[in-house]
Amino acid sequence: MENSLIADAEFAGKGYILSTDKQLLDFNVIYSFLNNESYWSKGIPVERLQKAIANSICFGVYHHHQQCGFARVITDTATFAYICDVFITPEYRGRGLSKWLIKSITNHQELQGLRRWSLATADAHGLYGQYGFTPVSKPEPWMEIYNPYSLNQ
């Protein structure tokens, strides 16, 4: 993927980078947060997360080369994108990093001109609303099969 570094002078001056380069991802940080701290991925098997990362556009946030944030985008890069697994580790919250992350995702060159963006959140409606996300206006056509992870899988 070209231009894997996403520049922002304000954050770069403070030692932060944001990148789509999967080589930079710290899988242990990502897995630990998603498995132990998130409300949406507790119990996710390691192999399942590895496969999810391999098949997504991933955005990593780093402070002096240490991973402090992450998000995945599941997309065909033509019509649809689903943003998921978004987090900033607790010690780095309150610094504007989540705003930078979501702005960078929605402005990413490979994700322009999509017909629909989607995400699910229990507690970050205010953040996503700043970037144009609204509750589903017509939920009637949406359907799902929900199969939460179990520790037995």
C-alpha atoms as a PDB file:
ATOM      1  CA  MET A   1       0.000   0.000   0.000  1.00  0.00           C
ATOM      2  CA  GLU A   2       1.495   3.321  -1.043  1.00  0.00           C
ATOM      3  CA  ASN A   3       1.892   6.257   1.346  1.00  0.00           C
ATOM      4  CA  SER A   4       1.473   4.121   4.441  1.00  0.00           C
ATOM      5  CA  LEU A   5       2.420   7.022   6.732  1.00  0.00           C
ATOM      6  CA  ILE A   6      -0.351   9.528   7.338  1.00  0.00           C
ATOM      7  CA  ALA A   7       1.189  12.885   8.145  1.00  0.00           C
ATOM      8  CA  ASP A   8       0.043  15.442  10.668  1.00  0.00           C
ATOM      9  CA  ALA A   9       2.572  18.044  11.740  1.00  0.00           C
ATOM     10  CA  GLU A  10       0.963  18.613  15.150  1.00  0.00           C
ATOM     11  CA  PHE A  11       1.173  14.943  16.116  1.00  0.00           C
ATOM     12  CA  ALA A  12       4.517  14.272  14.399  1.00  0.00           C
ATOM     13  CA  GLY A  13       6.062  17.034  16.492  1.00  0.00           C
ATOM     14  CA  LYS A  14       4.979  15.114  19.593  1.00  0.00           C
ATOM     15  CA  GLY A  15       6.439  11.784  18.441  1.00  0.00           C
ATOM     16  CA  TYR A  16       3.265  10.253  16.953  1.00  0.00           C
ATOM     17  CA  ILE A  17       2.803   8.540  13.620  1.00  0.00           C
ATOM     18  CA  LEU A  18      -0.230   6.942  12.011  1.00  0.00           C
ATOM     19  CA  SER A  19       0.370   4.262   9.408  1.00  0.00           C
ATOM     20  CA  THR A  20      -1.355   1.588   7.340  1.00  0.00           C
ATOM     21  CA  ASP A  21       1.854  -0.463   7.185  1.00  0.00           C
ATOM     22  CA  LYS A  22       0.981  -3.859   8.687  1.00  0.00           C
ATOM     23  CA  GLN A  23       4.681  -4.518   9.313  1.00  0.00           C
ATOM     24  CA  LEU A  24       4.546  -1.903  12.089  1.00  0.00           C
ATOM     25  CA  LEU A  25       1.583  -3.471  13.920  1.00  0.00           C
ATOM     26  CA  ASP A  26       2.299  -4.873  17.369  1.00  0.00           C
ATOM     27  CA  PHE A  27      -0.023  -7.869  17.388  1.00  0.00           C
ATOM     28  CA  ASN A  28       0.455  -8.445  21.121  1.00  0.00           C
ATOM     29  CA  VAL A  29      -0.778  -4.922  21.954  1.00  0.00           C
ATOM     30  CA  ILE A  30      -3.751  -5.280  19.603  1.00  0.00           C
ATOM     31  CA  TYR A  31      -4.707  -8.738  20.831  1.00  0.00           C
ATOM     32  CA  SER A  32      -4.299  -7.821  24.490  1.00  0.00           C
ATOM     33  CA  PHE A  33      -6.552  -4.796  24.165  1.00  0.00           C
ATOM     34  CA  LEU A  34      -9.236  -6.478  22.088  1.00  0.00           C
ATOM     35  CA  ASN A  35      -9.279  -9.683  24.122  1.00  0.00           C
ATOM     36  CA  ASN A  36      -8.953  -8.171  27.599  1.00  0.00           C
ATOM     37  CA  GLU A  37     -10.175  -4.568  27.531  1.00  0.00           C
ATOM     38  CA  SER A  38     -12.714  -4.153  24.728  1.00  0.00           C
ATOM     39  CA  TYR A  39     -16.404  -4.892  25.209  1.00  0.00           C
ATOM     40  CA  TRP A  40     -16.776  -6.217  21.651  1.00  0.00           C
ATOM     41  CA  SER A  41     -14.002  -8.800  21.199  1.00  0.00           C
ATOM     42  CA  LYS A  42     -13.477 -10.551  24.508  1.00  0.00           C
ATOM     43  CA  GLY A  43     -12.448 -14.126  23.885  1.00  0.00           C
ATOM     44  CA  ILE A  44     -11.486 -13.650  20.240  1.00  0.00           C
ATOM     45  CA  PRO A  45      -9.210 -16.508  19.200  1.00  0.00           C
ATOM     46  CA  VAL A  46      -5.689 -15.457  18.197  1.00  0.00           C
ATOM     47  CA  GLU A  47      -6.000 -17.100  14.784  1.00  0.00           C
ATOM     48  CA  ARG A  48      -9.285 -15.306  14.076  1.00  0.00           C
ATOM     49  CA  LEU A  49      -7.750 -11.903  14.834  1.00  0.00           C
ATOM     50  CA  GLN A  50      -4.679 -12.701  12.719  1.00  0.00           C
ATOM     51  CA  LYS A  51      -6.944 -13.548   9.778  1.00  0.00           C
ATOM     52  CA  ALA A  52      -9.058 -10.413  10.343  1.00  0.00           C
ATOM     53  CA  ILE A  53      -5.965  -8.196  10.281  1.00  0.00           C
ATOM     54  CA  ALA A  54      -4.607  -9.933   7.181  1.00  0.00           C
ATOM     55  CA  ASN A  55      -7.847  -9.245   5.295  1.00  0.00           C
ATOM     56  CA  SER A  56      -8.439  -5.644   6.349  1.00  0.00           C
ATOM     57  CA  ILE A  57      -6.916  -2.223   5.844  1.00  0.00           C
ATOM     58  CA  CYS A  58      -5.364  -1.566   9.238  1.00  0.00           C
ATOM     59  CA  PHE A  59      -4.468   1.761  10.802  1.00  0.00           C
ATOM     60  CA  GLY A  60      -1.924   1.853  13.617  1.00  0.00           C
ATOM     61  CA  VAL A  61      -1.192   4.814  15.876  1.00  0.00           C
ATOM     62  CA  TYR A  62       2.279   4.889  17.418  1.00  0.00           C
ATOM     63  CA  HIS A  63       4.090   7.053  19.950  1.00  0.00           C
ATOM     64  CA  HIS A  64       7.849   6.805  19.618  1.00  0.00           C
ATOM     65  CA  HIS A  65       7.338   3.497  17.744  1.00  0.00           C
ATOM     66  CA  GLN A  66       5.129   2.005  20.495  1.00  0.00           C
ATOM     67  CA  GLN A  67       1.602   1.101  19.378  1.00  0.00           C
ATOM     68  CA  CYS A  68      -1.048   3.121  21.204  1.00  0.00           C
ATOM     69  CA  GLY A  69      -4.018   2.873  18.844  1.00  0.00           C
ATOM     70  CA  PHE A  70      -5.590   0.749  16.146  1.00  0.00           C
ATOM     71  CA  ALA A  71      -8.530   0.424  13.763  1.00  0.00           C
ATOM     72  CA  ARG A  72      -9.509  -1.972  10.975  1.00  0.00           C
ATOM     73  CA  VAL A  73     -11.525  -1.252   7.867  1.00  0.00           C
ATOM     74  CA  ILE A  74     -13.272  -4.120   6.113  1.00  0.00           C
ATOM     75  CA  THR A  75     -13.911  -2.966   2.565  1.00  0.00           C
ATOM     76  CA  ASP A  76     -14.114  -3.713  -1.126  1.00  0.00           C
ATOM     77  CA  THR A  77     -12.618  -0.199  -1.704  1.00  0.00           C
ATOM     78  CA  ALA A  78     -15.361   0.477  -4.256  1.00  0.00           C
ATOM     79  CA  THR A  79     -18.763   0.616  -2.548  1.00  0.00           C
ATOM     80  CA  PHE A  80     -18.630  -0.228   1.172  1.00  0.00           C
ATOM     81  CA  ALA A  81     -16.450   0.081   4.276  1.00  0.00           C
ATOM     82  CA  TYR A  82     -17.034  -1.137   7.826  1.00  0.00           C
ATOM     83  CA  ILE A  83     -14.869   0.428  10.538  1.00  0.00           C
ATOM     84  CA  CYS A  84     -14.176  -1.809  13.521  1.00  0.00           C
ATOM     85  CA  ASP A  85     -11.817  -2.659  16.374  1.00  0.00           C
ATOM     86  CA  VAL A  86     -11.105   1.030  16.997  1.00  0.00           C
ATOM     87  CA  PHE A  87      -9.169   1.838  20.148  1.00  0.00           C
ATOM     88  CA  ILE A  88      -6.662   4.141  21.758  1.00  0.00           C
ATOM     89  CA  THR A  89      -4.972   2.613  24.792  1.00  0.00           C
ATOM     90  CA  PRO A  90      -6.102   4.208  28.073  1.00  0.00           C
ATOM     91  CA  GLU A  91      -2.847   6.028  28.821  1.00  0.00           C
ATOM     92  CA  TYR A  92      -3.030   7.872  25.471  1.00  0.00           C
ATOM     93  CA  ARG A  93      -6.673   8.940  25.551  1.00  0.00           C
ATOM     94  CA  GLY A  94      -7.668  12.596  25.714  1.00  0.00           C
ATOM     95  CA  ARG A  95      -4.972  13.737  23.263  1.00  0.00           C
ATOM     96  CA  GLY A  96      -7.058  13.906  20.079  1.00  0.00           C
ATOM     97  CA  LEU A  97      -5.659  10.654  18.702  1.00  0.00           C
ATOM     98  CA  SER A  98      -9.047   9.034  18.091  1.00  0.00           C
ATOM     99  CA  LYS A  99     -10.144  12.088  16.089  1.00  0.00           C
ATOM    100  CA  TRP A 100      -6.952  11.934  14.032  1.00  0.00           C
ATOM    101  CA  LEU A 101      -7.490   8.204  13.488  1.00  0.00           C
ATOM    102  CA  ILE A 102     -11.109   8.502  12.298  1.00  0.00           C
ATOM    103  CA  LYS A 103     -10.358  11.558  10.154  1.00  0.00           C
ATOM    104  CA  SER A 104      -7.455   9.673   8.556  1.00  0.00           C
ATOM    105  CA  ILE A 105      -9.638   6.645   7.865  1.00  0.00           C
ATOM    106  CA  THR A 106     -12.478   8.614   6.290  1.00  0.00           C
ATOM    107  CA  ASN A 107     -10.018  10.664   4.205  1.00  0.00           C
ATOM    108  CA  HIS A 108      -7.872   7.708   3.111  1.00  0.00           C
ATOM    109  CA  GLN A 109      -7.256   7.736  -0.652  1.00  0.00           C
ATOM    110  CA  GLU A 110      -8.388   4.112  -1.159  1.00  0.00           C
ATOM    111  CA  LEU A 111     -11.689   4.745   0.613  1.00  0.00           C
ATOM    112  CA  GLN A 112     -13.026   7.710  -1.336  1.00  0.00           C
ATOM    113  CA  GLY A 113     -16.305   7.597  -3.270  1.00  0.00           C
ATOM    114  CA  LEU A 114     -17.826   4.732  -1.298  1.00  0.00           C
ATOM    115  CA  ARG A 115     -21.605   4.438  -1.305  1.00  0.00           C
ATOM    116  CA  ARG A 116     -21.830   3.393   2.358  1.00  0.00           C
ATOM    117  CA  TRP A 117     -19.736   3.484   5.502  1.00  0.00           C
ATOM    118  CA  SER A 118     -20.829   1.513   8.542  1.00  0.00           C
ATOM    119  CA  LEU A 119     -19.751   0.933  12.122  1.00  0.00           C
ATOM    120  CA  ALA A 120     -21.197  -0.112  15.455  1.00  0.00           C
ATOM    121  CA  THR A 121     -20.501   1.556  18.780  1.00  0.00           C
ATOM    122  CA  ALA A 122     -21.946   1.425  22.257  1.00  0.00           C
ATOM    123  CA  ASP A 123     -20.300   4.577  23.570  1.00  0.00           C
ATOM    124  CA  ALA A 124     -18.559   6.734  20.935  1.00  0.00           C
ATOM    125  CA  HIS A 125     -21.477   8.274  19.034  1.00  0.00           C
ATOM    126  CA  GLY A 126     -20.118  11.775  19.673  1.00  0.00           C
ATOM    127  CA  LEU A 127     -16.763  10.954  18.115  1.00  0.00           C
ATOM    128  CA  TYR A 128     -18.178   9.358  14.983  1.00  0.00           C
ATOM    129  CA  GLY A 129     -20.882  12.000  14.613  1.00  0.00           C
ATOM    130  CA  GLN A 130     -18.125  14.575  14.047  1.00  0.00           C
ATOM    131  CA  TYR A 131     -17.248  12.705  10.836  1.00  0.00           C
ATOM    132  CA  GLY A 132     -20.766  12.386   9.438  1.00  0.00           C
ATOM    133  CA  PHE A 133     -21.902   9.104  10.999  1.00  0.00           C
ATOM    134  CA  THR A 134     -25.549   8.989  12.081  1.00  0.00           C
ATOM    135  CA  PRO A 135     -27.855   6.272  13.407  1.00  0.00           C
ATOM    136  CA  VAL A 136     -29.078   3.986  10.627  1.00  0.00           C
ATOM    137  CA  SER A 137     -31.871   5.959   8.975  1.00  0.00           C
ATOM    138  CA  LYS A 138     -33.692   2.916   7.605  1.00  0.00           C
ATOM    139  CA  PRO A 139     -32.823  -0.075   9.781  1.00  0.00           C
ATOM    140  CA  GLU A 140     -35.636  -2.195   8.310  1.00  0.00           C
ATOM    141  CA  PRO A 141     -33.603  -3.619   5.391  1.00  0.00           C
ATOM    142  CA  TRP A 142     -30.580  -4.418   7.589  1.00  0.00           C
ATOM    143  CA  MET A 143     -30.267  -7.969   8.816  1.00  0.00           C
ATOM    144  CA  GLU A 144     -27.547  -9.862  10.608  1.00  0.00           C
ATOM    145  CA  ILE A 145     -26.355 -13.168  11.881  1.00  0.00           C
ATOM    146  CA  TYR A 146     -24.687 -12.521  15.212  1.00  0.00           C
ATOM    147  CA  ASN A 147     -22.330 -15.223  16.380  1.00  0.00           C
ATOM    148  CA  PRO A 148     -20.285 -13.961  19.348  1.00  0.00           C
ATOM    149  CA  TYR A 149     -16.951 -15.528  20.021  1.00  0.00           C
ATOM    150  CA  SER A 150     -16.834 -18.188  22.626  1.00  0.00           C
ATOM    151  CA  LEU A 151     -13.772 -19.478  24.359  1.00  0.00           C
ATOM    152  CA  ASN A 152     -14.627 -22.936  22.957  1.00  0.00           C
ATOM    153  CA  GLN A 153     -14.068 -21.982  19.299  1.00  0.00           C
END
